[in-house]
């Protein structure tokens, strides 16, 4: 459960993501950190190799994947909406002479 997912707090990524994508990424990071921390706590009490530990690992992976897919969907929606708005704006306000 100590897997790191892509993109968490990367300071090399200077590109502005926008408010909605940024919030989505932060929420995704929160879910991942919560799953990891709760998994560590449960496994420290019940033991690493038992059935409960394996169940925690499996359910944690499911929750993380669901969170990642939701974040991806939000990002794609924001990108599509931005492109559509820009195209509409360009067609409306930039008439050819």
PDB file of N, CA and C in Angstrom:
ATOM      1  N   UNK A   1       0.808  -1.190   0.000  1.00  0.00           N
ATOM      2  CA  UNK A   1       0.000   0.000   0.000  1.00  0.00           C
ATOM      3  C   UNK A   1       0.855   1.259   0.000  1.00  0.00           C
ATOM      4  N   UNK A   2       2.147   1.114  -0.035  1.00  0.00           N
ATOM      5  CA  UNK A   2       2.998   2.286  -0.005  1.00  0.00           C
ATOM      6  C   UNK A   2       3.372   2.754  -1.409  1.00  0.00           C
ATOM      7  N   UNK A   3       2.562   2.401  -2.403  1.00  0.00           N
ATOM      8  CA  UNK A   3       2.842   2.805  -3.768  1.00  0.00           C
ATOM      9  C   UNK A   3       2.595   4.300  -3.911  1.00  0.00           C
ATOM     10  N   UNK A   4       3.464   4.973  -4.638  1.00  0.00           N
ATOM     11  CA  UNK A   4       3.237   6.378  -4.946  1.00  0.00           C
ATOM     12  C   UNK A   4       2.604   6.465  -6.310  1.00  0.00           C
ATOM     13  N   UNK A   5       1.619   7.328  -6.447  1.00  0.00           N
ATOM     14  CA  UNK A   5       0.985   7.497  -7.745  1.00  0.00           C
ATOM     15  C   UNK A   5       1.624   8.660  -8.474  1.00  0.00           C
ATOM     16  N   UNK A   6       1.409   8.681  -9.790  1.00  0.00           N
ATOM     17  CA  UNK A   6       2.034   9.703 -10.617  1.00  0.00           C
ATOM     18  C   UNK A   6       1.511  11.084 -10.274  1.00  0.00           C
ATOM     19  N   UNK A   7       2.403  12.054 -10.311  1.00  0.00           N
ATOM     20  CA  UNK A   7       2.005  13.442 -10.247  1.00  0.00           C
ATOM     21  C   UNK A   7       1.804  14.031  -8.866  1.00  0.00           C
ATOM     22  N   UNK A   8       2.113  13.352  -7.813  1.00  0.00           N
ATOM     23  CA  UNK A   8       1.865  13.922  -6.493  1.00  0.00           C
ATOM     24  C   UNK A   8       2.925  14.958  -6.157  1.00  0.00           C
ATOM     25  N   UNK A   9       2.488  16.201  -6.012  1.00  0.00           N
ATOM     26  CA  UNK A   9       3.327  17.319  -5.603  1.00  0.00           C
ATOM     27  C   UNK A   9       4.609  17.459  -6.421  1.00  0.00           C
ATOM     28  N   UNK A  10       4.520  17.336  -7.727  1.00  0.00           N
ATOM     29  CA  UNK A  10       5.679  17.477  -8.583  1.00  0.00           C
ATOM     30  C   UNK A  10       5.993  18.949  -8.780  1.00  0.00           C
ATOM     31  N   UNK A  11       7.127  19.396  -8.240  1.00  0.00           N
ATOM     32  CA  UNK A  11       7.498  20.801  -8.367  1.00  0.00           C
ATOM     33  C   UNK A  11       8.036  21.100  -9.757  1.00  0.00           C
ATOM     34  N   UNK A  12       8.415  20.078 -10.516  1.00  0.00           N
ATOM     35  CA  UNK A  12       8.918  20.310 -11.863  1.00  0.00           C
ATOM     36  C   UNK A  12       7.785  20.617 -12.839  1.00  0.00           C
ATOM     37  N   UNK A  13       6.562  20.328 -12.452  1.00  0.00           N
ATOM     38  CA  UNK A  13       5.411  20.601 -13.306  1.00  0.00           C
ATOM     39  C   UNK A  13       4.946  22.034 -13.053  1.00  0.00           C
ATOM     40  N   UNK A  14       5.473  22.984 -13.835  1.00  0.00           N
ATOM     41  CA  UNK A  14       5.197  24.402 -13.632  1.00  0.00           C
ATOM     42  C   UNK A  14       3.935  24.857 -14.347  1.00  0.00           C
ATOM     43  N   UNK A  15       3.356  23.991 -15.176  1.00  0.00           N
ATOM     44  CA  UNK A  15       2.190  24.365 -15.965  1.00  0.00           C
ATOM     45  C   UNK A  15       0.993  24.629 -15.063  1.00  0.00           C
ATOM     46  N   UNK A  16       0.296  25.717 -15.313  1.00  0.00           N
ATOM     47  CA  UNK A  16      -0.918  26.054 -14.558  1.00  0.00           C
ATOM     48  C   UNK A  16      -2.023  25.090 -14.968  1.00  0.00           C
ATOM     49  N   UNK A  17      -2.592  24.384 -14.016  1.00  0.00           N
ATOM     50  CA  UNK A  17      -3.613  23.390 -14.318  1.00  0.00           C
ATOM     51  C   UNK A  17      -5.014  23.962 -14.303  1.00  0.00           C
ATOM     52  N   UNK A  18      -5.209  25.067 -13.671  1.00  0.00           N
ATOM     53  CA  UNK A  18      -6.547  25.594 -13.534  1.00  0.00           C
ATOM     54  C   UNK A  18      -7.160  25.142 -12.222  1.00  0.00           C
ATOM     55  N   UNK A  19      -8.185  25.858 -11.814  1.00  0.00           N
ATOM     56  CA  UNK A  19      -8.786  25.622 -10.506  1.00  0.00           C
ATOM     57  C   UNK A  19      -9.412  24.236 -10.392  1.00  0.00           C
ATOM     58  N   UNK A  20     -10.271  23.883 -11.332  1.00  0.00           N
ATOM     59  CA  UNK A  20     -11.013  22.618 -11.220  1.00  0.00           C
ATOM     60  C   UNK A  20     -10.077  21.418 -11.300  1.00  0.00           C
ATOM     61  N   UNK A  21      -9.152  21.435 -12.253  1.00  0.00           N
ATOM     62  CA  UNK A  21      -8.203  20.325 -12.356  1.00  0.00           C
ATOM     63  C   UNK A  21      -7.301  20.256 -11.123  1.00  0.00           C
ATOM     64  N   UNK A  22      -6.923  21.417 -10.593  1.00  0.00           N
ATOM     65  CA  UNK A  22      -6.081  21.449  -9.393  1.00  0.00           C
ATOM     66  C   UNK A  22      -6.789  20.874  -8.181  1.00  0.00           C
ATOM     67  N   UNK A  23      -8.067  21.250  -8.009  1.00  0.00           N
ATOM     68  CA  UNK A  23      -8.852  20.721  -6.889  1.00  0.00           C
ATOM     69  C   UNK A  23      -9.041  19.218  -7.043  1.00  0.00           C
ATOM     70  N   UNK A  24      -9.314  18.774  -8.263  1.00  0.00           N
ATOM     71  CA  UNK A  24      -9.480  17.345  -8.520  1.00  0.00           C
ATOM     72  C   UNK A  24      -8.213  16.572  -8.182  1.00  0.00           C
ATOM     73  N   UNK A  25      -7.065  17.126  -8.561  1.00  0.00           N
ATOM     74  CA  UNK A  25      -5.784  16.477  -8.265  1.00  0.00           C
ATOM     75  C   UNK A  25      -5.539  16.419  -6.760  1.00  0.00           C
ATOM     76  N   UNK A  26      -5.842  17.515  -6.068  1.00  0.00           N
ATOM     77  CA  UNK A  26      -5.670  17.529  -4.610  1.00  0.00           C
ATOM     78  C   UNK A  26      -6.587  16.513  -3.933  1.00  0.00           C
ATOM     79  N   UNK A  27      -7.821  16.413  -4.405  1.00  0.00           N
ATOM     80  CA  UNK A  27      -8.755  15.430  -3.843  1.00  0.00           C
ATOM     81  C   UNK A  27      -8.248  14.016  -4.093  1.00  0.00           C
ATOM     82  N   UNK A  28      -7.716  13.771  -5.278  1.00  0.00           N
ATOM     83  CA  UNK A  28      -7.154  12.463  -5.600  1.00  0.00           C
ATOM     84  C   UNK A  28      -5.977  12.144  -4.683  1.00  0.00           C
ATOM     85  N   UNK A  29      -5.105  13.132  -4.468  1.00  0.00           N
ATOM     86  CA  UNK A  29      -3.969  12.938  -3.557  1.00  0.00           C
ATOM     87  C   UNK A  29      -4.447  12.643  -2.134  1.00  0.00           C
ATOM     88  N   UNK A  30      -5.489  13.342  -1.698  1.00  0.00           N
ATOM     89  CA  UNK A  30      -6.052  13.118  -0.361  1.00  0.00           C
ATOM     90  C   UNK A  30      -6.572  11.691  -0.216  1.00  0.00           C
ATOM     91  N   UNK A  31      -7.279  11.220  -1.239  1.00  0.00           N
ATOM     92  CA  UNK A  31      -7.797   9.843  -1.204  1.00  0.00           C
ATOM     93  C   UNK A  31      -6.641   8.853  -1.116  1.00  0.00           C
ATOM     94  N   UNK A  32      -5.620   9.040  -1.946  1.00  0.00           N
ATOM     95  CA  UNK A  32      -4.473   8.125  -1.932  1.00  0.00           C
ATOM     96  C   UNK A  32      -3.780   8.123  -0.566  1.00  0.00           C
ATOM     97  N   UNK A  33      -3.542   9.305  -0.017  1.00  0.00           N
ATOM     98  CA  UNK A  33      -2.872   9.386   1.288  1.00  0.00           C
ATOM     99  C   UNK A  33      -3.724   8.781   2.401  1.00  0.00           C
ATOM    100  N   UNK A  34      -5.032   8.998   2.342  1.00  0.00           N
ATOM    101  CA  UNK A  34      -5.924   8.437   3.355  1.00  0.00           C
ATOM    102  C   UNK A  34      -5.928   6.917   3.288  1.00  0.00           C
ATOM    103  N   UNK A  35      -6.001   6.377   2.070  1.00  0.00           N
ATOM    104  CA  UNK A  35      -5.985   4.913   1.896  1.00  0.00           C
ATOM    105  C   UNK A  35      -4.677   4.341   2.409  1.00  0.00           C
ATOM    106  N   UNK A  36      -3.565   4.982   2.050  1.00  0.00           N
ATOM    107  CA  UNK A  36      -2.258   4.483   2.506  1.00  0.00           C
ATOM    108  C   UNK A  36      -2.135   4.517   4.027  1.00  0.00           C
ATOM    109  N   UNK A  37      -2.531   5.635   4.633  1.00  0.00           N
ATOM    110  CA  UNK A  37      -2.405   5.782   6.080  1.00  0.00           C
ATOM    111  C   UNK A  37      -3.312   4.813   6.823  1.00  0.00           C
ATOM    112  N   UNK A  38      -4.572   4.716   6.384  1.00  0.00           N
ATOM    113  CA  UNK A  38      -5.486   3.799   7.069  1.00  0.00           C
ATOM    114  C   UNK A  38      -5.034   2.356   6.897  1.00  0.00           C
ATOM    115  N   UNK A  39      -4.505   2.036   5.722  1.00  0.00           N
ATOM    116  CA  UNK A  39      -3.990   0.689   5.502  1.00  0.00           C
ATOM    117  C   UNK A  39      -2.841   0.360   6.427  1.00  0.00           C
ATOM    118  N   UNK A  40      -1.929   1.318   6.604  1.00  0.00           N
ATOM    119  CA  UNK A  40      -0.789   1.103   7.505  1.00  0.00           C
ATOM    120  C   UNK A  40      -1.254   0.911   8.950  1.00  0.00           C
ATOM    121  N   UNK A  41      -2.246   1.701   9.357  1.00  0.00           N
ATOM    122  CA  UNK A  41      -2.752   1.585  10.728  1.00  0.00           C
ATOM    123  C   UNK A  41      -3.396   0.220  10.945  1.00  0.00           C
ATOM    124  N   UNK A  42      -4.262  -0.172  10.028  1.00  0.00           N
ATOM    125  CA  UNK A  42      -4.956  -1.459  10.165  1.00  0.00           C
ATOM    126  C   UNK A  42      -3.961  -2.605  10.155  1.00  0.00           C
ATOM    127  N   UNK A  43      -2.986  -2.554   9.233  1.00  0.00           N
ATOM    128  CA  UNK A  43      -2.010  -3.637   9.142  1.00  0.00           C
ATOM    129  C   UNK A  43      -1.062  -3.657  10.335  1.00  0.00           C
ATOM    130  N   UNK A  44      -0.830  -2.508  10.973  1.00  0.00           N
ATOM    131  CA  UNK A  44       0.022  -2.508  12.160  1.00  0.00           C
ATOM    132  C   UNK A  44      -0.684  -3.178  13.332  1.00  0.00           C
ATOM    133  N   UNK A  45      -2.012  -3.122  13.323  1.00  0.00           N
ATOM    134  CA  UNK A  45      -2.784  -3.752  14.392  1.00  0.00           C
ATOM    135  C   UNK A  45      -3.005  -5.238  14.118  1.00  0.00           C
ATOM    136  N   UNK A  46      -3.360  -5.560  12.866  1.00  0.00           N
ATOM    137  CA  UNK A  46      -3.745  -6.943  12.546  1.00  0.00           C
ATOM    138  C   UNK A  46      -2.615  -7.789  11.990  1.00  0.00           C
ATOM    139  N   UNK A  47      -1.550  -7.154  11.524  1.00  0.00           N
ATOM    140  CA  UNK A  47      -0.444  -7.887  10.920  1.00  0.00           C
ATOM    141  C   UNK A  47      -0.451  -7.741   9.413  1.00  0.00           C
ATOM    142  N   UNK A  48       0.745  -7.835   8.823  1.00  0.00           N
ATOM    143  CA  UNK A  48       0.923  -7.600   7.390  1.00  0.00           C
ATOM    144  C   UNK A  48       0.347  -8.710   6.521  1.00  0.00           C
ATOM    145  N   UNK A  49       0.615  -9.949   6.823  1.00  0.00           N
ATOM    146  CA  UNK A  49       0.348 -11.029   5.890  1.00  0.00           C
ATOM    147  C   UNK A  49      -0.995 -11.704   6.001  1.00  0.00           C
ATOM    148  N   UNK A  50      -1.806 -11.311   6.945  1.00  0.00           N
ATOM    149  CA  UNK A  50      -3.066 -12.004   7.148  1.00  0.00           C
ATOM    150  C   UNK A  50      -4.130 -11.625   6.139  1.00  0.00           C
ATOM    151  N   UNK A  51      -5.265 -12.255   6.298  1.00  0.00           N
ATOM    152  CA  UNK A  51      -6.395 -12.022   5.402  1.00  0.00           C
ATOM    153  C   UNK A  51      -6.854 -10.573   5.447  1.00  0.00           C
ATOM    154  N   UNK A  52      -6.871  -9.998   6.623  1.00  0.00           N
ATOM    155  CA  UNK A  52      -7.307  -8.597   6.750  1.00  0.00           C
ATOM    156  C   UNK A  52      -6.332  -7.671   6.028  1.00  0.00           C
ATOM    157  N   UNK A  53      -5.035  -7.908   6.166  1.00  0.00           N
ATOM    158  CA  UNK A  53      -4.033  -7.100   5.470  1.00  0.00           C
ATOM    159  C   UNK A  53      -4.177  -7.180   3.964  1.00  0.00           C
ATOM    160  N   UNK A  54      -4.414  -8.385   3.460  1.00  0.00           N
ATOM    161  CA  UNK A  54      -4.587  -8.567   2.015  1.00  0.00           C
ATOM    162  C   UNK A  54      -5.874  -7.908   1.536  1.00  0.00           C
ATOM    163  N   UNK A  55      -6.922  -7.981   2.333  1.00  0.00           N
ATOM    164  CA  UNK A  55      -8.187  -7.336   1.983  1.00  0.00           C
ATOM    165  C   UNK A  55      -8.029  -5.823   1.953  1.00  0.00           C
ATOM    166  N   UNK A  56      -7.301  -5.288   2.916  1.00  0.00           N
ATOM    167  CA  UNK A  56      -7.042  -3.848   2.958  1.00  0.00           C
ATOM    168  C   UNK A  56      -6.269  -3.420   1.714  1.00  0.00           C
ATOM    169  N   UNK A  57      -5.261  -4.199   1.325  1.00  0.00           N
ATOM    170  CA  UNK A  57      -4.494  -3.876   0.124  1.00  0.00           C
ATOM    171  C   UNK A  57      -5.379  -3.867  -1.119  1.00  0.00           C
ATOM    172  N   UNK A  58      -6.197  -4.905  -1.271  1.00  0.00           N
ATOM    173  CA  UNK A  58      -7.061  -5.009  -2.446  1.00  0.00           C
ATOM    174  C   UNK A  58      -8.095  -3.896  -2.499  1.00  0.00           C
ATOM    175  N   UNK A  59      -8.743  -3.649  -1.389  1.00  0.00           N
ATOM    176  CA  UNK A  59      -9.760  -2.597  -1.382  1.00  0.00           C
ATOM    177  C   UNK A  59      -9.118  -1.223  -1.567  1.00  0.00           C
ATOM    178  N   UNK A  60      -7.923  -1.033  -1.036  1.00  0.00           N
ATOM    179  CA  UNK A  60      -7.207   0.223  -1.230  1.00  0.00           C
ATOM    180  C   UNK A  60      -6.889   0.461  -2.694  1.00  0.00           C
ATOM    181  N   UNK A  61      -6.464  -0.584  -3.395  1.00  0.00           N
ATOM    182  CA  UNK A  61      -6.176  -0.447  -4.830  1.00  0.00           C
ATOM    183  C   UNK A  61      -7.431  -0.080  -5.609  1.00  0.00           C
ATOM    184  N   UNK A  62      -8.565  -0.670  -5.242  1.00  0.00           N
ATOM    185  CA  UNK A  62      -9.835  -0.367  -5.909  1.00  0.00           C
ATOM    186  C   UNK A  62     -10.221   1.092  -5.693  1.00  0.00           C
ATOM    187  N   UNK A  63     -10.124   1.561  -4.462  1.00  0.00           N
ATOM    188  CA  UNK A  63     -10.480   2.945  -4.143  1.00  0.00           C
ATOM    189  C   UNK A  63      -9.560   3.915  -4.882  1.00  0.00           C
ATOM    190  N   UNK A  64      -8.270   3.613  -4.910  1.00  0.00           N
ATOM    191  CA  UNK A  64      -7.318   4.484  -5.594  1.00  0.00           C
ATOM    192  C   UNK A  64      -7.610   4.555  -7.097  1.00  0.00           C
ATOM    193  N   UNK A  65      -7.884   3.392  -7.718  1.00  0.00           N
ATOM    194  CA  UNK A  65      -8.186   3.376  -9.151  1.00  0.00           C
ATOM    195  C   UNK A  65      -9.449   4.174  -9.454  1.00  0.00           C
ATOM    196  N   UNK A  66     -10.471   4.023  -8.620  1.00  0.00           N
ATOM    197  CA  UNK A  66     -11.715   4.776  -8.815  1.00  0.00           C
ATOM    198  C   UNK A  66     -11.451   6.271  -8.713  1.00  0.00           C
ATOM    199  N   UNK A  67     -10.637   6.665  -7.765  1.00  0.00           N
ATOM    200  CA  UNK A  67     -10.295   8.078  -7.591  1.00  0.00           C
ATOM    201  C   UNK A  67      -9.521   8.607  -8.798  1.00  0.00           C
ATOM    202  N   UNK A  68      -8.578   7.811  -9.299  1.00  0.00           N
ATOM    203  CA  UNK A  68      -7.797   8.223 -10.468  1.00  0.00           C
ATOM    204  C   UNK A  68      -8.692   8.375 -11.695  1.00  0.00           C
ATOM    205  N   UNK A  69      -9.609   7.425 -11.902  1.00  0.00           N
ATOM    206  CA  UNK A  69     -10.516   7.498 -13.053  1.00  0.00           C
ATOM    207  C   UNK A  69     -11.412   8.727 -12.957  1.00  0.00           C
ATOM    208  N   UNK A  70     -11.894   9.037 -11.768  1.00  0.00           N
ATOM    209  CA  UNK A  70     -12.711  10.235 -11.580  1.00  0.00           C
ATOM    210  C   UNK A  70     -11.933  11.496 -11.885  1.00  0.00           C
ATOM    211  N   UNK A  71     -10.695  11.546 -11.427  1.00  0.00           N
ATOM    212  CA  UNK A  71      -9.841  12.701 -11.676  1.00  0.00           C
ATOM    213  C   UNK A  71      -9.538  12.835 -13.165  1.00  0.00           C
ATOM    214  N   UNK A  72      -9.285  11.719 -13.844  1.00  0.00           N
ATOM    215  CA  UNK A  72      -9.051  11.741 -15.292  1.00  0.00           C
ATOM    216  C   UNK A  72     -10.282  12.248 -16.025  1.00  0.00           C
ATOM    217  N   UNK A  73     -11.457  11.782 -15.623  1.00  0.00           N
ATOM    218  CA  UNK A  73     -12.701  12.204 -16.269  1.00  0.00           C
ATOM    219  C   UNK A  73     -12.918  13.705 -16.102  1.00  0.00           C
ATOM    220  N   UNK A  74     -12.641  14.212 -14.918  1.00  0.00           N
ATOM    221  CA  UNK A  74     -12.782  15.658 -14.682  1.00  0.00           C
ATOM    222  C   UNK A  74     -11.797  16.423 -15.565  1.00  0.00           C
ATOM    223  N   UNK A  75     -10.567  15.956 -15.636  1.00  0.00           N
ATOM    224  CA  UNK A  75      -9.562  16.615 -16.474  1.00  0.00           C
ATOM    225  C   UNK A  75      -9.956  16.634 -17.935  1.00  0.00           C
ATOM    226  N   UNK A  76     -10.464  15.516 -18.446  1.00  0.00           N
ATOM    227  CA  UNK A  76     -10.884  15.450 -19.850  1.00  0.00           C
ATOM    228  C   UNK A  76     -12.088  16.353 -20.099  1.00  0.00           C
ATOM    229  N   UNK A  77     -13.011  16.410 -19.152  1.00  0.00           N
ATOM    230  CA  UNK A  77     -14.177  17.276 -19.290  1.00  0.00           C
ATOM    231  C   UNK A  77     -13.761  18.739 -19.324  1.00  0.00           C
ATOM    232  N   UNK A  78     -12.852  19.115 -18.443  1.00  0.00           N
ATOM    233  CA  UNK A  78     -12.365  20.494 -18.405  1.00  0.00           C
ATOM    234  C   UNK A  78     -11.655  20.829 -19.714  1.00  0.00           C
ATOM    235  N   UNK A  79     -10.810  19.923 -20.200  1.00  0.00           N
ATOM    236  CA  UNK A  79     -10.097  20.164 -21.451  1.00  0.00           C
ATOM    237  C   UNK A  79     -11.061  20.320 -22.620  1.00  0.00           C
ATOM    238  N   UNK A  80     -12.043  19.439 -22.715  1.00  0.00           N
ATOM    239  CA  UNK A  80     -13.023  19.503 -23.804  1.00  0.00           C
ATOM    240  C   UNK A  80     -13.840  20.785 -23.733  1.00  0.00           C
ATOM    241  N   UNK A  81     -14.264  21.145 -22.541  1.00  0.00           N
ATOM    242  CA  UNK A  81     -15.047  22.365 -22.368  1.00  0.00           C
ATOM    243  C   UNK A  81     -14.221  23.596 -22.735  1.00  0.00           C
ATOM    244  N   UNK A  82     -12.977  23.614 -22.339  1.00  0.00           N
ATOM    245  CA  UNK A  82     -12.103  24.743 -22.650  1.00  0.00           C
ATOM    246  C   UNK A  82     -11.896  24.882 -24.151  1.00  0.00           C
ATOM    247  N   UNK A  83     -11.664  23.760 -24.824  1.00  0.00           N
ATOM    248  CA  UNK A  83     -11.467  23.795 -26.277  1.00  0.00           C
ATOM    249  C   UNK A  83     -12.733  24.259 -26.983  1.00  0.00           C
ATOM    250  N   UNK A  84     -13.880  23.765 -26.548  1.00  0.00           N
ATOM    251  CA  UNK A  84     -15.147  24.158 -27.167  1.00  0.00           C
ATOM    252  C   UNK A  84     -15.406  25.644 -26.956  1.00  0.00           C
ATOM    253  N   UNK A  85     -15.159  26.139 -25.751  1.00  0.00           N
ATOM    254  CA  UNK A  85     -15.367  27.552 -25.453  1.00  0.00           C
ATOM    255  C   UNK A  85     -14.425  28.420 -26.282  1.00  0.00           C
ATOM    256  N   UNK A  86     -13.153  28.021 -26.367  1.00  0.00           N
ATOM    257  CA  UNK A  86     -12.175  28.793 -27.138  1.00  0.00           C
ATOM    258  C   UNK A  86     -12.569  28.827 -28.606  1.00  0.00           C
ATOM    259  N   UNK A  87     -12.991  27.711 -29.142  1.00  0.00           N
ATOM    260  CA  UNK A  87     -13.412  27.652 -30.538  1.00  0.00           C
ATOM    261  C   UNK A  87     -14.619  28.545 -30.780  1.00  0.00           C
ATOM    262  N   UNK A  88     -15.598  28.478 -29.907  1.00  0.00           N
ATOM    263  CA  UNK A  88     -16.795  29.310 -30.028  1.00  0.00           C
ATOM    264  C   UNK A  88     -16.444  30.790 -29.901  1.00  0.00           C
ATOM    265  N   UNK A  89     -15.582  31.102 -28.953  1.00  0.00           N
ATOM    266  CA  UNK A  89     -15.160  32.495 -28.748  1.00  0.00           C
ATOM    267  C   UNK A  89     -14.432  33.015 -29.982  1.00  0.00           C
ATOM    268  N   UNK A  90     -13.520  32.200 -30.539  1.00  0.00           N
ATOM    269  CA  UNK A  90     -12.776  32.614 -31.725  1.00  0.00           C
ATOM    270  C   UNK A  90     -13.700  32.844 -32.915  1.00  0.00           C
ATOM    271  N   UNK A  91     -14.671  31.983 -33.084  1.00  0.00           N
ATOM    272  CA  UNK A  91     -15.612  32.128 -34.209  1.00  0.00           C
ATOM    273  C   UNK A  91     -16.521  33.328 -34.035  1.00  0.00           C
ATOM    274  N   UNK A  92     -16.851  33.637 -32.790  1.00  0.00           N
ATOM    275  CA  UNK A  92     -17.778  34.737 -32.510  1.00  0.00           C
ATOM    276  C   UNK A  92     -17.100  36.093 -32.582  1.00  0.00           C
ATOM    277  N   UNK A  93     -15.934  36.236 -32.019  1.00  0.00           N
ATOM    278  CA  UNK A  93     -15.311  37.541 -31.867  1.00  0.00           C
ATOM    279  C   UNK A  93     -14.215  37.848 -32.880  1.00  0.00           C
ATOM    280  N   UNK A  94     -13.727  36.885 -33.600  1.00  0.00           N
ATOM    281  CA  UNK A  94     -12.637  37.103 -34.554  1.00  0.00           C
ATOM    282  C   UNK A  94     -13.144  36.824 -35.963  1.00  0.00           C
ATOM    283  N   UNK A  95     -13.903  37.737 -36.514  1.00  0.00           N
ATOM    284  CA  UNK A  95     -14.409  37.569 -37.867  1.00  0.00           C
ATOM    285  C   UNK A  95     -13.316  37.911 -38.866  1.00  0.00           C
ATOM    286  N   UNK A  96     -13.252  37.116 -39.926  1.00  0.00           N
ATOM    287  CA  UNK A  96     -12.244  37.373 -40.971  1.00  0.00           C
ATOM    288  C   UNK A  96     -12.653  38.590 -41.789  1.00  0.00           C
ATOM    289  N   UNK A  97     -11.663  39.359 -42.231  1.00  0.00           N
ATOM    290  CA  UNK A  97     -11.917  40.570 -43.022  1.00  0.00           C
ATOM    291  C   UNK A  97     -11.954  40.251 -44.489  1.00  0.00           C
TER     292      UNK A  97
END
